[in-house]
C-alpha atoms as a PDB file:
ATOM      1  CA  MET A   1     -25.730  24.655   8.657  1.00  0.00           C
ATOM      2  CA  PRO A   2     -22.221  25.580   9.787  1.00  0.00           C
ATOM      3  CA  GLN A   3     -21.520  27.070  13.181  1.00  0.00           C
ATOM      4  CA  THR A   4     -19.241  30.085  13.475  1.00  0.00           C
ATOM      5  CA  ASP A   5     -16.165  28.021  14.372  1.00  0.00           C
ATOM      6  CA  GLN A   6     -16.835  25.705  11.416  1.00  0.00           C
ATOM      7  CA  LEU A   7     -17.211  28.749   9.184  1.00  0.00           C
ATOM      8  CA  SER A   8     -13.884  30.047  10.447  1.00  0.00           C
ATOM      9  CA  ASP A   9     -12.255  26.712   9.609  1.00  0.00           C
ATOM     10  CA  GLN A  10     -13.726  26.862   6.113  1.00  0.00           C
ATOM     11  CA  LEU A  11     -12.455  30.412   5.648  1.00  0.00           C
ATOM     12  CA  ASP A  12      -8.967  29.349   6.731  1.00  0.00           C
ATOM     13  CA  ARG A  13      -9.012  26.338   4.392  1.00  0.00           C
ATOM     14  CA  LEU A  14     -10.202  28.356   1.409  1.00  0.00           C
ATOM     15  CA  SER A  15      -7.820  31.234   2.089  1.00  0.00           C
ATOM     16  CA  ALA A  16      -4.939  28.754   1.829  1.00  0.00           C
ATOM     17  CA  TRP A  17      -5.932  27.988  -1.776  1.00  0.00           C
ATOM     18  CA  ASP A  18      -2.905  27.872  -4.077  1.00  0.00           C
ATOM     19  CA  PRO A  19      -3.808  29.566  -7.395  1.00  0.00           C
ATOM     20  CA  GLY A  20      -3.280  27.354 -10.458  1.00  0.00           C
ATOM     21  CA  PRO A  21      -4.147  27.309 -14.144  1.00  0.00           C
ATOM     22  CA  PHE A  22      -7.875  26.734 -13.626  1.00  0.00           C
ATOM     23  CA  PRO A  23     -10.380  29.444 -12.620  1.00  0.00           C
ATOM     24  CA  VAL A  24     -12.170  29.368  -9.272  1.00  0.00           C
ATOM     25  CA  VAL A  25     -15.908  30.065  -9.179  1.00  0.00           C
ATOM     26  CA  SER A  26     -17.187  31.889  -6.084  1.00  0.00           C
ATOM     27  CA  LEU A  27     -20.977  32.089  -5.934  1.00  0.00           C
ATOM     28  CA  TYR A  28     -23.215  33.702  -3.323  1.00  0.00           C
ATOM     29  CA  LEU A  29     -26.986  33.267  -3.551  1.00  0.00           C
ATOM     30  CA  ASN A  30     -29.833  34.833  -1.618  1.00  0.00           C
ATOM     31  CA  LEU A  31     -32.150  31.832  -1.141  1.00  0.00           C
ATOM     32  CA  GLN A  32     -35.046  33.813   0.291  1.00  0.00           C
ATOM     33  CA  SER A  33     -38.217  33.577  -1.773  1.00  0.00           C
ATOM     34  CA  ASN A  34     -39.854  36.688  -3.196  1.00  0.00           C
ATOM     35  CA  GLU A  35     -43.311  37.942  -2.247  1.00  0.00           C
ATOM     36  CA  HIS A  36     -44.849  35.271  -4.471  1.00  0.00           C
ATOM     37  CA  GLY A  37     -42.922  32.463  -2.802  1.00  0.00           C
ATOM     38  CA  ARG A  38     -40.666  31.878  -5.815  1.00  0.00           C
ATOM     39  CA  ASP A  39     -36.905  31.564  -5.815  1.00  0.00           C
ATOM     40  CA  GLN A  40     -35.119  34.527  -7.323  1.00  0.00           C
ATOM     41  CA  PHE A  41     -31.764  33.073  -8.364  1.00  0.00           C
ATOM     42  CA  ASP A  42     -32.462  30.896 -11.421  1.00  0.00           C
ATOM     43  CA  THR A  43     -32.458  33.785 -13.901  1.00  0.00           C
ATOM     44  CA  PHE A  44     -29.286  35.157 -12.312  1.00  0.00           C
ATOM     45  CA  LEU A  45     -27.503  31.822 -12.691  1.00  0.00           C
ATOM     46  CA  ARG A  46     -28.489  31.357 -16.336  1.00  0.00           C
ATOM     47  CA  LYS A  47     -27.551  34.863 -17.436  1.00  0.00           C
ATOM     48  CA  GLU A  48     -24.391  35.404 -15.412  1.00  0.00           C
ATOM     49  CA  PHE A  49     -22.839  32.033 -16.189  1.00  0.00           C
ATOM     50  CA  ALA A  50     -23.618  32.396 -19.891  1.00  0.00           C
ATOM     51  CA  ASP A  51     -22.045  35.863 -20.014  1.00  0.00           C
ATOM     52  CA  ARG A  52     -18.932  34.963 -18.001  1.00  0.00           C
ATOM     53  CA  LEU A  53     -18.228  31.621 -19.686  1.00  0.00           C
ATOM     54  CA  ALA A  54     -18.493  33.225 -23.120  1.00  0.00           C
ATOM     55  CA  THR A  55     -15.286  35.140 -22.342  1.00  0.00           C
ATOM     56  CA  PHE A  56     -13.255  31.897 -22.179  1.00  0.00           C
ATOM     57  CA  PRO A  57     -12.126  29.960 -25.314  1.00  0.00           C
ATOM     58  CA  ALA A  58     -14.794  27.394 -26.160  1.00  0.00           C
ATOM     59  CA  GLU A  59     -12.392  24.460 -26.472  1.00  0.00           C
ATOM     60  CA  GLY A  60      -9.908  25.409 -23.745  1.00  0.00           C
ATOM     61  CA  PRO A  61      -9.290  23.503 -20.481  1.00  0.00           C
ATOM     62  CA  GLU A  62     -10.501  26.486 -18.458  1.00  0.00           C
ATOM     63  CA  ARG A  63     -13.878  26.408 -20.209  1.00  0.00           C
ATOM     64  CA  GLU A  64     -14.138  22.649 -19.710  1.00  0.00           C
ATOM     65  CA  SER A  65     -13.500  23.086 -15.976  1.00  0.00           C
ATOM     66  CA  LEU A  66     -16.081  25.869 -15.793  1.00  0.00           C
ATOM     67  CA  ASN A  67     -18.707  23.819 -17.642  1.00  0.00           C
ATOM     68  CA  ARG A  68     -18.327  21.099 -15.019  1.00  0.00           C
ATOM     69  CA  ASP A  69     -18.509  23.726 -12.277  1.00  0.00           C
ATOM     70  CA  VAL A  70     -21.846  24.951 -13.618  1.00  0.00           C
ATOM     71  CA  GLU A  71     -23.245  21.415 -13.704  1.00  0.00           C
ATOM     72  CA  LYS A  72     -22.172  20.761 -10.115  1.00  0.00           C
ATOM     73  CA  ILE A  73     -23.641  24.044  -8.907  1.00  0.00           C
ATOM     74  CA  ARG A  74     -26.989  23.462 -10.606  1.00  0.00           C
ATOM     75  CA  SER A  75     -27.190  19.928  -9.202  1.00  0.00           C
ATOM     76  CA  TYR A  76     -26.392  21.163  -5.704  1.00  0.00           C
ATOM     77  CA  VAL A  77     -28.815  24.109  -5.841  1.00  0.00           C
ATOM     78  CA  ASP A  78     -31.650  21.810  -6.914  1.00  0.00           C
ATOM     79  CA  GLY A  79     -31.331  19.843  -3.661  1.00  0.00           C
ATOM     80  CA  VAL A  80     -30.373  22.619  -1.259  1.00  0.00           C
ATOM     81  CA  ASP A  81     -32.171  22.908   2.089  1.00  0.00           C
ATOM     82  CA  ARG A  82     -35.018  25.362   1.511  1.00  0.00           C
ATOM     83  CA  ALA A  83     -34.809  26.486   5.127  1.00  0.00           C
ATOM     84  CA  ALA A  84     -31.456  28.085   4.334  1.00  0.00           C
ATOM     85  CA  GLN A  85     -31.329  31.846   3.854  1.00  0.00           C
ATOM     86  CA  GLY A  86     -28.160  31.932   1.799  1.00  0.00           C
ATOM     87  CA  LEU A  87     -25.641  29.785  -0.021  1.00  0.00           C
ATOM     88  CA  ALA A  88     -21.934  30.143  -0.765  1.00  0.00           C
ATOM     89  CA  VAL A  89     -20.247  27.826  -3.265  1.00  0.00           C
ATOM     90  CA  PHE A  90     -16.569  27.631  -4.191  1.00  0.00           C
ATOM     91  CA  THR A  91     -15.642  25.307  -7.007  1.00  0.00           C
ATOM     92  CA  CYS A  92     -12.807  24.566  -9.415  1.00  0.00           C
ATOM     93  CA  SER A  93     -13.372  21.242 -11.162  1.00  0.00           C
ATOM     94  CA  GLY A  94      -9.960  21.334 -12.832  1.00  0.00           C
ATOM     95  CA  ALA A  95      -8.336  21.303  -9.368  1.00  0.00           C
ATOM     96  CA  ASP A  96     -10.917  19.070  -7.647  1.00  0.00           C
ATOM     97  CA  LEU A  97     -12.435  21.803  -5.454  1.00  0.00           C
ATOM     98  CA  PHE A  98     -16.088  21.905  -4.497  1.00  0.00           C
ATOM     99  CA  GLU A  99     -17.189  23.440  -1.216  1.00  0.00           C
ATOM    100  CA  ALA A 100     -20.788  24.499  -0.567  1.00  0.00           C
ATOM    101  CA  ILE A 101     -21.881  26.315   2.591  1.00  0.00           C
ATOM    102  CA  THR A 102     -25.566  26.734   3.435  1.00  0.00           C
ATOM    103  CA  LEU A 103     -26.263  29.727   5.639  1.00  0.00           C
ATOM    104  CA  ALA A 104     -28.967  30.654   8.132  1.00  0.00           C
ATOM    105  CA  ALA A 105     -27.834  34.261   7.703  1.00  0.00           C
ATOM    106  CA  PRO A 106     -29.229  36.104   4.669  1.00  0.00           C
ATOM    107  CA  VAL A 107     -26.986  36.945   1.733  1.00  0.00           C
ATOM    108  CA  THR A 108     -27.865  40.492   0.713  1.00  0.00           C
ATOM    109  CA  GLU A 109     -27.405  39.974  -3.024  1.00  0.00           C
ATOM    110  CA  HIS A 110     -26.414  37.367  -5.591  1.00  0.00           C
ATOM    111  CA  ARG A 111     -22.709  37.510  -6.462  1.00  0.00           C
ATOM    112  CA  LEU A 112     -20.632  35.580  -8.960  1.00  0.00           C
ATOM    113  CA  SER A 113     -16.874  35.813  -9.251  1.00  0.00           C
ATOM    114  CA  ILE A 114     -14.559  33.823 -11.527  1.00  0.00           C
ATOM    115  CA  SER A 115     -10.934  34.405 -10.669  1.00  0.00           C
ATOM    116  CA  THR A 116      -7.686  32.720  -9.670  1.00  0.00           C
ATOM    117  CA  GLU A 117      -8.646  32.771  -5.954  1.00  0.00           C
ATOM    118  CA  PRO A 118     -11.858  32.327  -3.947  1.00  0.00           C
ATOM    119  CA  ASN A 119     -13.793  35.511  -3.184  1.00  0.00           C
ATOM    120  CA  LEU A 120     -14.034  35.216   0.606  1.00  0.00           C
ATOM    121  CA  TYR A 121     -14.847  38.820   1.468  1.00  0.00           C
ATOM    122  CA  PRO A 122     -18.669  38.362   1.620  1.00  0.00           C
ATOM    123  CA  LEU A 123     -18.323  35.160   3.662  1.00  0.00           C
ATOM    124  CA  ALA A 124     -15.895  36.740   6.121  1.00  0.00           C
ATOM    125  CA  LEU A 125     -18.279  39.683   6.480  1.00  0.00           C
ATOM    126  CA  LEU A 126     -21.191  37.343   7.279  1.00  0.00           C
ATOM    127  CA  ALA A 127     -19.093  35.569   9.920  1.00  0.00           C
ATOM    128  CA  ASP A 128     -18.371  38.966  11.486  1.00  0.00           C
ATOM    129  CA  GLU A 129     -22.001  40.151  11.361  1.00  0.00           C
ATOM    130  CA  TYR A 130     -23.402  36.966  12.939  1.00  0.00           C
ATOM    131  CA  PRO A 131     -20.841  35.894  15.567  1.00  0.00           C
ATOM    132  CA  ARG A 132     -21.082  33.219  18.231  1.00  0.00           C
ATOM    133  CA  TYR A 133     -22.412  34.621  21.529  1.00  0.00           C
ATOM    134  CA  ALA A 134     -24.414  33.606  24.592  1.00  0.00           C
ATOM    135  CA  ALA A 135     -27.704  35.010  25.852  1.00  0.00           C
ATOM    136  CA  VAL A 136     -29.161  34.451  29.317  1.00  0.00           C
ATOM    137  CA  VAL A 137     -32.864  35.062  29.921  1.00  0.00           C
ATOM    138  CA  ALA A 138     -33.613  34.685  33.627  1.00  0.00           C
ATOM    139  CA  ASP A 139     -35.826  35.520  36.564  1.00  0.00           C
ATOM    140  CA  THR A 140     -35.518  34.408  40.203  1.00  0.00           C
ATOM    141  CA  ASN A 141     -37.135  31.025  39.486  1.00  0.00           C
ATOM    142  CA  ALA A 142     -35.901  29.934  36.065  1.00  0.00           C
ATOM    143  CA  ALA A 143     -33.317  30.638  33.410  1.00  0.00           C
ATOM    144  CA  ARG A 144     -32.652  29.811  29.766  1.00  0.00           C
ATOM    145  CA  ILE A 145     -29.133  29.927  28.358  1.00  0.00           C
ATOM    146  CA  PHE A 146     -28.742  30.190  24.596  1.00  0.00           C
ATOM    147  CA  VAL A 147     -25.755  29.987  22.284  1.00  0.00           C
ATOM    148  CA  PHE A 148     -26.336  31.634  18.905  1.00  0.00           C
ATOM    149  CA  ALA A 149     -24.093  31.723  15.854  1.00  0.00           C
ATOM    150  CA  GLY A 150     -24.610  32.496  12.186  1.00  0.00           C
ATOM    151  CA  ASN A 151     -28.144  33.832  12.790  1.00  0.00           C
ATOM    152  CA  ALA A 152     -29.287  30.507  14.254  1.00  0.00           C
ATOM    153  CA  LEU A 153     -29.693  28.815  17.618  1.00  0.00           C
ATOM    154  CA  GLN A 154     -26.865  26.361  18.217  1.00  0.00           C
ATOM    155  CA  HIS A 155     -28.168  24.977  21.518  1.00  0.00           C
ATOM    156  CA  ALA A 156     -30.024  25.999  24.674  1.00  0.00           C
ATOM    157  CA  GLU A 157     -30.209  24.908  28.311  1.00  0.00           C
ATOM    158  CA  GLN A 158     -33.007  25.443  30.784  1.00  0.00           C
ATOM    159  CA  ILE A 159     -32.623  25.769  34.552  1.00  0.00           C
ATOM    160  CA  LYS A 160     -35.700  25.492  36.741  1.00  0.00           C
ATOM    161  CA  GLY A 161     -35.985  26.145  40.452  1.00  0.00           C
ATOM    162  CA  THR A 162     -38.729  25.777  43.046  1.00  0.00           C
ATOM    163  CA  LYS A 163     -40.836  28.868  43.447  1.00  0.00           C
ATOM    164  CA  THR A 164     -40.848  30.325  46.943  1.00  0.00           C
ATOM    165  CA  LYS A 165     -44.333  30.599  48.480  1.00  0.00           C
ATOM    166  CA  ARG A 166     -45.509  33.806  50.064  1.00  0.00           C
ATOM    167  CA  HIS A 167     -47.334  33.768  53.408  1.00  0.00           C
ATOM    168  CA  LYS A 168     -48.623  36.483  55.687  1.00  0.00           C
ATOM    169  CA  MET A 169     -46.254  36.659  58.625  1.00  0.00           C
ATOM    170  CA  GLY A 170     -44.384  39.141  60.743  1.00  0.00           C
ATOM    171  CA  GLY A 171     -41.494  39.562  63.157  1.00  0.00           C
ATOM    172  CA  TRP A 172     -38.898  36.780  63.260  1.00  0.00           C
ATOM    173  CA  SER A 173     -40.945  34.579  60.918  1.00  0.00           C
ATOM    174  CA  GLN A 174     -40.878  37.274  58.276  1.00  0.00           C
ATOM    175  CA  ALA A 175     -37.125  37.702  58.708  1.00  0.00           C
ATOM    176  CA  ARG A 176     -36.534  33.945  58.393  1.00  0.00           C
ATOM    177  CA  TYR A 177     -38.696  33.833  55.266  1.00  0.00           C
ATOM    178  CA  GLN A 178     -36.761  36.740  53.780  1.00  0.00           C
ATOM    179  CA  ARG A 179     -33.443  34.995  54.453  1.00  0.00           C
ATOM    180  CA  HIS A 180     -34.784  31.768  52.953  1.00  0.00           C
ATOM    181  CA  THR A 181     -35.878  33.595  49.802  1.00  0.00           C
ATOM    182  CA  GLU A 182     -32.567  35.408  49.458  1.00  0.00           C
ATOM    183  CA  ASN A 183     -30.630  32.163  49.918  1.00  0.00           C
ATOM    184  CA  TYR A 184     -32.742  30.459  47.276  1.00  0.00           C
ATOM    185  CA  HIS A 185     -32.212  33.303  44.826  1.00  0.00           C
ATOM    186  CA  LEU A 186     -28.468  33.221  45.493  1.00  0.00           C
ATOM    187  CA  HIS A 187     -28.305  29.452  44.907  1.00  0.00           C
ATOM    188  CA  HIS A 188     -30.280  29.847  41.692  1.00  0.00           C
ATOM    189  CA  ALA A 189     -27.954  32.594  40.456  1.00  0.00           C
ATOM    190  CA  LYS A 190     -24.891  30.447  41.228  1.00  0.00           C
ATOM    191  CA  GLU A 191     -26.335  27.531  39.266  1.00  0.00           C
ATOM    192  CA  VAL A 192     -27.067  29.754  36.262  1.00  0.00           C
ATOM    193  CA  VAL A 193     -23.581  31.272  36.316  1.00  0.00           C
ATOM    194  CA  ASP A 194     -21.925  27.854  36.654  1.00  0.00           C
ATOM    195  CA  THR A 195     -23.801  26.606  33.592  1.00  0.00           C
ATOM    196  CA  LEU A 196     -22.984  29.772  31.655  1.00  0.00           C
ATOM    197  CA  TRP A 197     -19.311  29.538  32.618  1.00  0.00           C
ATOM    198  CA  ARG A 198     -19.083  26.035  31.152  1.00  0.00           C
ATOM    199  CA  SER A 199     -20.401  27.314  27.807  1.00  0.00           C
ATOM    200  CA  VAL A 200     -17.958  30.225  27.858  1.00  0.00           C
ATOM    201  CA  ARG A 201     -15.082  27.871  28.623  1.00  0.00           C
ATOM    202  CA  ASP A 202     -16.002  25.060  26.234  1.00  0.00           C
ATOM    203  CA  GLU A 203     -17.079  27.171  23.257  1.00  0.00           C
ATOM    204  CA  GLY A 204     -14.860  30.217  23.466  1.00  0.00           C
ATOM    205  CA  ILE A 205     -17.782  32.631  23.945  1.00  0.00           C
ATOM    206  CA  GLN A 206     -16.557  36.231  23.785  1.00  0.00           C
ATOM    207  CA  SER A 207     -19.862  38.116  24.222  1.00  0.00           C
ATOM    208  CA  ILE A 208     -22.759  37.594  26.644  1.00  0.00           C
ATOM    209  CA  ILE A 209     -26.091  39.405  26.749  1.00  0.00           C
ATOM    210  CA  LEU A 210     -28.285  39.234  29.849  1.00  0.00           C
ATOM    211  CA  ALA A 211     -32.052  39.642  30.124  1.00  0.00           C
ATOM    212  CA  GLY A 212     -33.752  39.696  33.503  1.00  0.00           C
ATOM    213  CA  ASP A 213     -35.406  41.723  36.243  1.00  0.00           C
ATOM    214  CA  GLU A 214     -33.881  44.076  38.806  1.00  0.00           C
ATOM    215  CA  VAL A 215     -33.397  41.224  41.300  1.00  0.00           C
ATOM    216  CA  ILE A 216     -31.736  38.488  39.252  1.00  0.00           C
ATOM    217  CA  VAL A 217     -29.412  40.558  37.042  1.00  0.00           C
ATOM    218  CA  PRO A 218     -27.355  42.021  39.943  1.00  0.00           C
ATOM    219  CA  LEU A 219     -27.205  38.561  41.540  1.00  0.00           C
ATOM    220  CA  LEU A 220     -25.922  36.996  38.322  1.00  0.00           C
ATOM    221  CA  LYS A 221     -23.275  39.674  37.907  1.00  0.00           C
ATOM    222  CA  ASP A 222     -22.139  39.302  41.536  1.00  0.00           C
ATOM    223  CA  GLN A 223     -21.620  35.542  41.065  1.00  0.00           C
ATOM    224  CA  MET A 224     -19.682  35.800  37.817  1.00  0.00           C
ATOM    225  CA  PRO A 225     -15.934  35.221  37.749  1.00  0.00           C
ATOM    226  CA  LYS A 226     -14.060  38.267  36.489  1.00  0.00           C
ATOM    227  CA  ASP A 227     -13.295  36.788  33.048  1.00  0.00           C
ATOM    228  CA  VAL A 228     -17.005  35.950  32.529  1.00  0.00           C
ATOM    229  CA  ALA A 229     -18.278  39.317  33.821  1.00  0.00           C
ATOM    230  CA  GLU A 230     -15.985  41.115  31.387  1.00  0.00           C
ATOM    231  CA  ARG A 231     -17.781  39.421  28.492  1.00  0.00           C
ATOM    232  CA  VAL A 232     -21.213  40.824  29.412  1.00  0.00           C
ATOM    233  CA  VAL A 233     -21.791  43.508  26.788  1.00  0.00           C
ATOM    234  CA  ASP A 234     -25.419  44.491  27.431  1.00  0.00           C
ATOM    235  CA  VAL A 235     -28.608  43.886  29.421  1.00  0.00           C
ATOM    236  CA  VAL A 236     -31.926  43.821  27.538  1.00  0.00           C
ATOM    237  CA  LYS A 237     -35.600  43.335  28.364  1.00  0.00           C
ATOM    238  CA  LEU A 238     -37.150  39.971  27.503  1.00  0.00           C
ATOM    239  CA  GLU A 239     -39.892  37.859  29.033  1.00  0.00           C
ATOM    240  CA  ILE A 240     -38.769  34.522  30.447  1.00  0.00           C
ATOM    241  CA  ARG A 241     -41.194  32.833  28.019  1.00  0.00           C
ATOM    242  CA  ALA A 242     -39.965  34.701  24.930  1.00  0.00           C
ATOM    243  CA  THR A 243     -39.625  32.518  21.858  1.00  0.00           C
ATOM    244  CA  ASP A 244     -36.189  31.469  20.636  1.00  0.00           C
ATOM    245  CA  ARG A 245     -36.584  33.769  17.643  1.00  0.00           C
ATOM    246  CA  GLU A 246     -37.536  36.733  19.847  1.00  0.00           C
ATOM    247  CA  VAL A 247     -34.455  36.121  21.969  1.00  0.00           C
ATOM    248  CA  LEU A 248     -32.233  35.889  18.879  1.00  0.00           C
ATOM    249  CA  ASP A 249     -33.638  39.022  17.232  1.00  0.00           C
ATOM    250  CA  THR A 250     -33.495  41.140  20.407  1.00  0.00           C
ATOM    251  CA  THR A 251     -30.022  40.076  21.487  1.00  0.00           C
ATOM    252  CA  LEU A 252     -28.534  40.291  17.996  1.00  0.00           C
ATOM    253  CA  ALA A 253     -29.855  43.845  17.644  1.00  0.00           C
ATOM    254  CA  ALA A 254     -28.294  44.714  21.009  1.00  0.00           C
ATOM    255  CA  LEU A 255     -25.001  43.130  19.985  1.00  0.00           C
ATOM    256  CA  ARG A 256     -24.912  45.237  16.831  1.00  0.00           C
ATOM    257  CA  GLU A 257     -25.517  48.433  18.800  1.00  0.00           C
ATOM    258  CA  VAL A 258     -22.569  47.549  21.013  1.00  0.00           C
ATOM    259  CA  ASP A 259     -20.474  46.748  17.932  1.00  0.00           C
ATOM    260  CA  ALA A 260     -21.266  50.147  16.441  1.00  0.00           C
ATOM    261  CA  LYS A 261     -19.949  51.823  19.593  1.00  0.00           C
ATOM    262  CA  THR A 262     -16.843  49.665  19.821  1.00  0.00           C
ATOM    263  CA  ASP A 263     -16.191  50.170  16.089  1.00  0.00           C
ATOM    264  CA  ARG A 264     -15.703  53.876  16.741  1.00  0.00           C
ATOM    265  CA  GLU A 265     -13.502  53.150  19.763  1.00  0.00           C
ATOM    266  CA  ARG A 266     -11.402  50.716  17.728  1.00  0.00           C
ATOM    267  CA  VAL A 267     -10.907  53.167  14.876  1.00  0.00           C
ATOM    268  CA  ASP A 268     -10.002  55.939  17.353  1.00  0.00           C
ATOM    269  CA  ALA A 269      -7.401  53.620  18.905  1.00  0.00           C
ATOM    270  CA  LEU A 270      -6.033  52.798  15.450  1.00  0.00           C
ATOM    271  CA  LEU A 271      -5.690  56.446  14.456  1.00  0.00           C
ATOM    272  CA  ASP A 272      -4.182  57.386  17.834  1.00  0.00           C
ATOM    273  CA  ALA A 273      -1.581  54.624  17.506  1.00  0.00           C
ATOM    274  CA  TYR A 274      -0.730  55.696  13.959  1.00  0.00           C
ATOM    275  CA  ARG A 275      -0.444  59.382  14.884  1.00  0.00           C
ATOM    276  CA  SER A 276       1.896  58.572  17.767  1.00  0.00           C
ATOM    277  CA  SER A 277       4.086  56.326  15.582  1.00  0.00           C
ATOM    278  CA  GLY A 278       2.845  53.277  17.454  1.00  0.00           C
ATOM    279  CA  LEU A 279       2.115  49.781  16.174  1.00  0.00           C
ATOM    280  CA  ALA A 280      -0.380  50.794  13.502  1.00  0.00           C
ATOM    281  CA  CYS A 281      -0.607  51.763   9.849  1.00  0.00           C
ATOM    282  CA  VAL A 282      -3.380  53.241   7.718  1.00  0.00           C
ATOM    283  CA  GLY A 283      -4.209  53.435   4.031  1.00  0.00           C
ATOM    284  CA  PRO A 284      -4.319  50.745   1.337  1.00  0.00           C
ATOM    285  CA  GLU A 285      -0.649  50.877   0.304  1.00  0.00           C
ATOM    286  CA  ARG A 286       0.852  50.795   3.800  1.00  0.00           C
ATOM    287  CA  THR A 287      -1.592  48.117   4.943  1.00  0.00           C
ATOM    288  CA  ARG A 288      -0.957  45.962   1.869  1.00  0.00           C
ATOM    289  CA  LYS A 289       2.789  46.113   2.460  1.00  0.00           C
ATOM    290  CA  ALA A 290       2.376  45.288   6.156  1.00  0.00           C
ATOM    291  CA  LEU A 291       0.275  42.238   5.266  1.00  0.00           C
ATOM    292  CA  GLU A 292       2.906  41.035   2.810  1.00  0.00           C
ATOM    293  CA  LEU A 293       5.570  41.310   5.538  1.00  0.00           C
ATOM    294  CA  GLY A 294       3.453  39.471   8.118  1.00  0.00           C
ATOM    295  CA  GLN A 295       3.307  42.526  10.391  1.00  0.00           C
ATOM    296  CA  VAL A 296      -0.485  42.743  10.743  1.00  0.00           C
ATOM    297  CA  ASP A 297      -2.072  41.610  13.989  1.00  0.00           C
ATOM    298  CA  GLU A 298      -5.568  42.901  13.157  1.00  0.00           C
ATOM    299  CA  LEU A 299      -6.864  44.214   9.847  1.00  0.00           C
ATOM    300  CA  VAL A 300      -9.440  46.996  10.247  1.00  0.00           C
ATOM    301  CA  ILE A 301     -11.486  47.420   7.083  1.00  0.00           C
ATOM    302  CA  SER A 302     -14.615  49.345   6.159  1.00  0.00           C
ATOM    303  CA  VAL A 303     -17.697  47.385   5.091  1.00  0.00           C
ATOM    304  CA  ALA A 304     -18.291  50.209   2.600  1.00  0.00           C
ATOM    305  CA  GLY A 305     -15.222  48.930   0.811  1.00  0.00           C
ATOM    306  CA  ILE A 306     -11.890  50.227  -0.392  1.00  0.00           C
ATOM    307  CA  GLY A 307     -12.516  49.935  -4.111  1.00  0.00           C
ATOM    308  CA  ASP A 308     -13.890  46.901  -5.882  1.00  0.00           C
ATOM    309  CA  ASP A 309     -14.660  43.510  -4.332  1.00  0.00           C
ATOM    310  CA  GLN A 310     -11.456  42.036  -5.701  1.00  0.00           C
ATOM    311  CA  GLU A 311      -9.296  44.520  -3.806  1.00  0.00           C
ATOM    312  CA  ALA A 312     -11.219  44.060  -0.558  1.00  0.00           C
ATOM    313  CA  ASN A 313     -10.985  40.293  -0.986  1.00  0.00           C
ATOM    314  CA  ALA A 314      -7.207  40.504  -1.432  1.00  0.00           C
ATOM    315  CA  PHE A 315      -6.880  42.213   1.962  1.00  0.00           C
ATOM    316  CA  VAL A 316      -9.085  39.664   3.727  1.00  0.00           C
ATOM    317  CA  LEU A 317      -7.359  36.718   2.046  1.00  0.00           C
ATOM    318  CA  LYS A 318      -3.904  37.909   3.065  1.00  0.00           C
ATOM    319  CA  ALA A 319      -5.071  38.545   6.627  1.00  0.00           C
ATOM    320  CA  ARG A 320      -6.438  34.992   6.931  1.00  0.00           C
ATOM    321  CA  GLN A 321      -3.280  33.552   5.370  1.00  0.00           C
ATOM    322  CA  THR A 322      -1.098  35.297   7.971  1.00  0.00           C
ATOM    323  CA  SER A 323      -3.359  34.514  10.972  1.00  0.00           C
ATOM    324  CA  ALA A 324      -4.312  38.170  11.411  1.00  0.00           C
ATOM    325  CA  GLY A 325      -7.672  39.113  12.889  1.00  0.00           C
ATOM    326  CA  VAL A 326     -10.183  40.984  10.724  1.00  0.00           C
ATOM    327  CA  ARG A 327     -12.391  43.761  12.135  1.00  0.00           C
ATOM    328  CA  PHE A 328     -15.125  45.051   9.822  1.00  0.00           C
ATOM    329  CA  ILE A 329     -16.268  48.637  10.434  1.00  0.00           C
ATOM    330  CA  GLU A 330     -19.938  49.228   9.608  1.00  0.00           C
ATOM    331  CA  ASP A 331     -19.852  53.038   9.476  1.00  0.00           C
ATOM    332  CA  GLY A 332     -18.006  53.858   6.269  1.00  0.00           C
ATOM    333  CA  THR A 333     -17.231  57.406   7.400  1.00  0.00           C
ATOM    334  CA  LEU A 334     -14.962  56.255  10.239  1.00  0.00           C
ATOM    335  CA  LEU A 335     -12.155  55.101   7.926  1.00  0.00           C
ATOM    336  CA  ALA A 336     -12.997  57.214   4.885  1.00  0.00           C
ATOM    337  CA  GLN A 337     -10.188  59.702   5.500  1.00  0.00           C
ATOM    338  CA  VAL A 338      -7.550  56.923   5.331  1.00  0.00           C
ATOM    339  CA  GLY A 339      -8.883  55.011   2.353  1.00  0.00           C
ATOM    340  CA  GLY A 340     -11.119  52.577   4.210  1.00  0.00           C
ATOM    341  CA  VAL A 341      -8.441  50.338   5.703  1.00  0.00           C
ATOM    342  CA  GLY A 342      -5.723  50.161   8.349  1.00  0.00           C
ATOM    343  CA  ALA A 343      -4.123  47.685  10.708  1.00  0.00           C
ATOM    344  CA  PHE A 344      -2.733  47.125  14.165  1.00  0.00           C
ATOM    345  CA  LEU A 345       0.770  45.696  13.858  1.00  0.00           C
ATOM    346  CA  ARG A 346       2.685  42.955  15.627  1.00  0.00           C
ATOM    347  CA  PHE A 347       6.039  44.617  15.054  1.00  0.00           C
ATOM    348  CA  LYS A 348       7.752  47.372  13.100  1.00  0.00           C
ATOM    349  CA  VAL A 349      10.365  47.033  10.374  1.00  0.00           C
END
C-alpha cells in the first residue's frame, strides 16, 4: 500500500491530467466488510455503472471507453488485497489511463465520478487525515521508534540498553551509583535522539509524538536539536510494550487533537491577514481567481465543503497543479462565514 510520499506523487501525476475527448472514471470504494463479513460494494458497482453509462450514446467512443473501464475495474477489484481498507481507481481506457491505489485508511463511503478530470478531492483529504509522522515510545532502558503514514506502520526501530542494577549502599558509593545511572540514562537518550534525527532527516518527518515517563521525556527533549524539538507536537501515555496498533491509534488520535487546535490558529491567521490587506484572500470567487493567477501559496478549505464535490475538486486540482499547499479544516464553522475556502498568497497583483 502506498506511503504518504508515494500518495503525494500520485496526486501530482493525476492532477496534471490533460482533459481530452474521453471521460475519466474516478472510483472510491470502502473495502471493509459488513457485520456478516461480506463485501458491500458489488451492488453499488452494478447499479451506479449501469445508471451512469446509460447516459452516454450506446455506440459512441465515450461509451466504448467506459465499457472497457468497467471491465478493468471489475477485474482489479476481484483480485484486490483483502487487507486493504479502501480503494481508489482512476481510469480512462480511451486515453490509456489506469491507476489503482489500495489504502490502509478507510474510505468513508463509495463514490463514483465520471467527468473530464480525475476527482482527487477525497484522495487528497485522506492524505491530509493520515499524514506521515514519527512516534517514540521510550523508558530509561529501551525505546521503539515508529514511522506511520496512511493509517499503517511504515517501519520501526528498537533500541535496547542494559538495565542498571539497584544495590543497598550509602555515602560516596550511593553518589557514584547515582552518577552512573544518570550517565547511562543520558547515553540512552542521546542514542534514541540520534536514531530519531536520522528518520526526520531522511524521510522529511514534520510531526513527532513522544510517549514515556517523567525521567526519559525531559532527557529526550534536552538532547534534541532545535529543528527536531520543534516538531514534537504532543506527549502521550503508552506502555513500552504497547502493540503497534495501540501506538498507532493513540498517537493518531493525539495528532488529530493537535490538528484541530492548529486548524483554528491557521484560520485566525488567514482572516487576520485578509482583514489587514495582507497576503491572503477569502471566498470562492477570490480564491478561484488567485489560483488561476498562480498567486496561492496555501489553499485553506473546509472538509464540510464549498458546494458539490466537483467544485471542491476543482480547487484542490488547481492547487496541486500550481504547487500550492492544501490545508483541510475539519471544523466546518471556522470558514463558514467566508464560503468555506480561502488562501495564503505568494504575491499580490
